[in-house]
């Protein structure tokens, strides 16, 4: 059976992993040192990093079209900030918009082009 031409939507976990890879590459390029990485979408934060001897908690979310990747769940982020404050850590939200490059109404498919809408970390 030939499945090579069969289109497959990326799962929520795959989209989340893709968003994490995008954020992770940026963090690495910016000199962050990874202390812990959690790839489960509902287990926060996704990244605990160290930079300039300061701890950073980073929550990563894949955001689907037409939602704005810069808007976040304020209740969740407030809880995250309170948690981070106990560790004298800084708290960030990283929303990554991932959309199908051909038609924004379609899902993102495996091995097909997609558009990334990511403007960096939002500090809380």
Protein backbone atom coordinates (compact mmCIF):
# COMPACT_ATOMS: atom_id res chain seq x y z
CA UNK A 1 0.00 0.00 0.00
CA UNK A 2 1.43 3.38 -1.01
CA UNK A 3 0.83 6.05 1.65
CA UNK A 4 3.48 8.47 0.42
CA UNK A 5 1.02 10.70 -1.43
CA UNK A 6 -1.54 10.67 1.37
CA UNK A 7 -1.87 14.05 3.11
CA UNK A 8 -1.73 13.94 6.86
CA UNK A 9 -2.61 16.76 9.22
CA UNK A 10 -0.06 17.44 11.92
CA UNK A 11 -1.40 16.35 15.32
CA UNK A 12 -1.71 18.83 18.19
CA UNK A 13 1.43 17.31 19.73
CA UNK A 14 3.35 17.68 16.43
CA UNK A 15 2.24 21.32 16.09
CA UNK A 16 3.27 21.92 19.71
CA UNK A 17 6.68 20.30 19.07
CA UNK A 18 7.14 22.45 15.96
CA UNK A 19 6.33 25.60 17.96
CA UNK A 20 8.76 24.48 20.68
CA UNK A 21 11.51 23.91 18.09
CA UNK A 22 11.00 27.42 16.70
CA UNK A 23 11.14 28.99 20.18
CA UNK A 24 13.98 26.71 21.28
CA UNK A 25 16.17 27.73 18.32
CA UNK A 26 15.58 31.41 19.15
CA UNK A 27 16.42 30.85 22.83
CA UNK A 28 19.61 29.01 21.88
CA UNK A 29 20.61 31.79 19.47
CA UNK A 30 19.98 34.35 22.24
CA UNK A 31 22.32 32.54 24.63
CA UNK A 32 19.81 30.84 26.93
CA UNK A 33 20.97 27.67 28.69
CA UNK A 34 18.31 24.97 28.93
CA UNK A 35 17.77 23.62 32.45
CA UNK A 36 14.53 21.72 31.73
CA UNK A 37 12.39 21.12 28.66
CA UNK A 38 8.84 19.83 28.84
CA UNK A 39 7.15 18.95 25.57
CA UNK A 40 3.69 18.20 27.00
CA UNK A 41 1.35 21.02 25.89
CA UNK A 42 -0.52 21.26 29.22
CA UNK A 43 2.54 20.90 31.49
CA UNK A 44 3.96 24.36 32.12
CA UNK A 45 6.43 25.91 31.64
CA UNK A 46 7.80 24.30 28.47
CA UNK A 47 11.28 25.74 28.97
CA UNK A 48 13.18 26.57 32.15
CA UNK A 49 16.32 28.40 31.11
CA UNK A 50 19.22 30.24 32.63
CA UNK A 51 20.70 33.42 31.17
CA UNK A 52 22.99 35.86 32.96
CA UNK A 53 22.46 33.83 36.17
CA UNK A 54 18.71 34.55 36.04
CA UNK A 55 16.08 31.79 35.76
CA UNK A 56 13.51 32.14 32.96
CA UNK A 57 10.18 30.26 32.71
CA UNK A 58 8.81 30.15 29.17
CA UNK A 59 5.32 28.96 28.24
CA UNK A 60 5.02 27.95 24.57
CA UNK A 61 1.72 27.67 22.70
CA UNK A 62 0.90 26.74 19.13
CA UNK A 63 -1.84 29.11 17.99
CA UNK A 64 -4.09 28.22 15.07
CA UNK A 65 -5.47 30.63 12.48
CA UNK A 66 -7.34 33.00 12.88
CA UNK A 67 -6.29 33.40 16.54
CA UNK A 68 -3.64 35.96 17.45
CA UNK A 69 -0.41 34.32 18.69
CA UNK A 70 0.28 37.37 20.88
CA UNK A 71 -2.89 36.88 22.93
CA UNK A 72 -2.68 34.49 25.87
CA UNK A 73 -4.66 32.98 28.71
CA UNK A 74 -4.17 35.64 31.39
CA UNK A 75 -5.28 33.33 34.22
CA UNK A 76 -2.75 30.66 33.25
CA UNK A 77 0.04 33.19 32.81
CA UNK A 78 -0.75 34.85 36.15
CA UNK A 79 -0.46 31.45 37.86
CA UNK A 80 2.81 30.85 35.97
CA UNK A 81 4.17 34.25 37.04
CA UNK A 82 3.28 33.58 40.70
CA UNK A 83 5.06 30.22 40.45
CA UNK A 84 8.11 31.80 38.78
CA UNK A 85 8.27 34.56 41.42
CA UNK A 86 8.88 31.90 44.10
CA UNK A 87 12.05 30.97 42.19
CA UNK A 88 12.96 34.61 41.42
CA UNK A 89 12.45 33.69 37.78
CA UNK A 90 11.27 35.85 34.90
CA UNK A 91 8.13 34.69 33.08
CA UNK A 92 7.52 34.72 29.33
CA UNK A 93 4.82 33.70 26.90
CA UNK A 94 5.80 32.49 23.43
CA UNK A 95 2.84 32.16 21.07
CA UNK A 96 3.65 30.65 17.69
CA UNK A 97 1.10 30.95 14.90
CA UNK A 98 1.35 28.09 12.41
CA UNK A 99 -0.82 28.17 9.29
CA UNK A 100 -1.02 26.35 6.00
CA UNK A 101 0.96 28.35 3.41
CA UNK A 102 -1.45 27.58 0.55
CA UNK A 103 -4.77 28.19 2.31
CA UNK A 104 -5.04 29.54 5.85
CA UNK A 105 -8.37 27.78 6.30
CA UNK A 106 -6.69 24.37 5.86
CA UNK A 107 -4.72 22.59 8.58
CA UNK A 108 -0.94 22.28 8.51
CA UNK A 109 0.01 19.08 6.72
CA UNK A 110 3.08 16.90 7.15
CA UNK A 111 5.86 17.80 4.68
CA UNK A 112 3.96 20.78 3.26
CA UNK A 113 4.77 24.47 3.51
CA UNK A 114 3.51 26.48 6.45
CA UNK A 115 3.75 30.07 7.64
CA UNK A 116 5.21 30.95 11.04
CA UNK A 117 3.91 34.00 12.90
CA UNK A 118 6.25 34.44 15.85
CA UNK A 119 7.52 37.77 17.10
CA UNK A 120 9.49 36.56 20.11
CA UNK A 121 8.99 36.31 23.84
CA UNK A 122 6.41 38.40 25.69
CA UNK A 123 7.58 39.10 29.22
CA UNK A 124 4.95 39.26 31.95
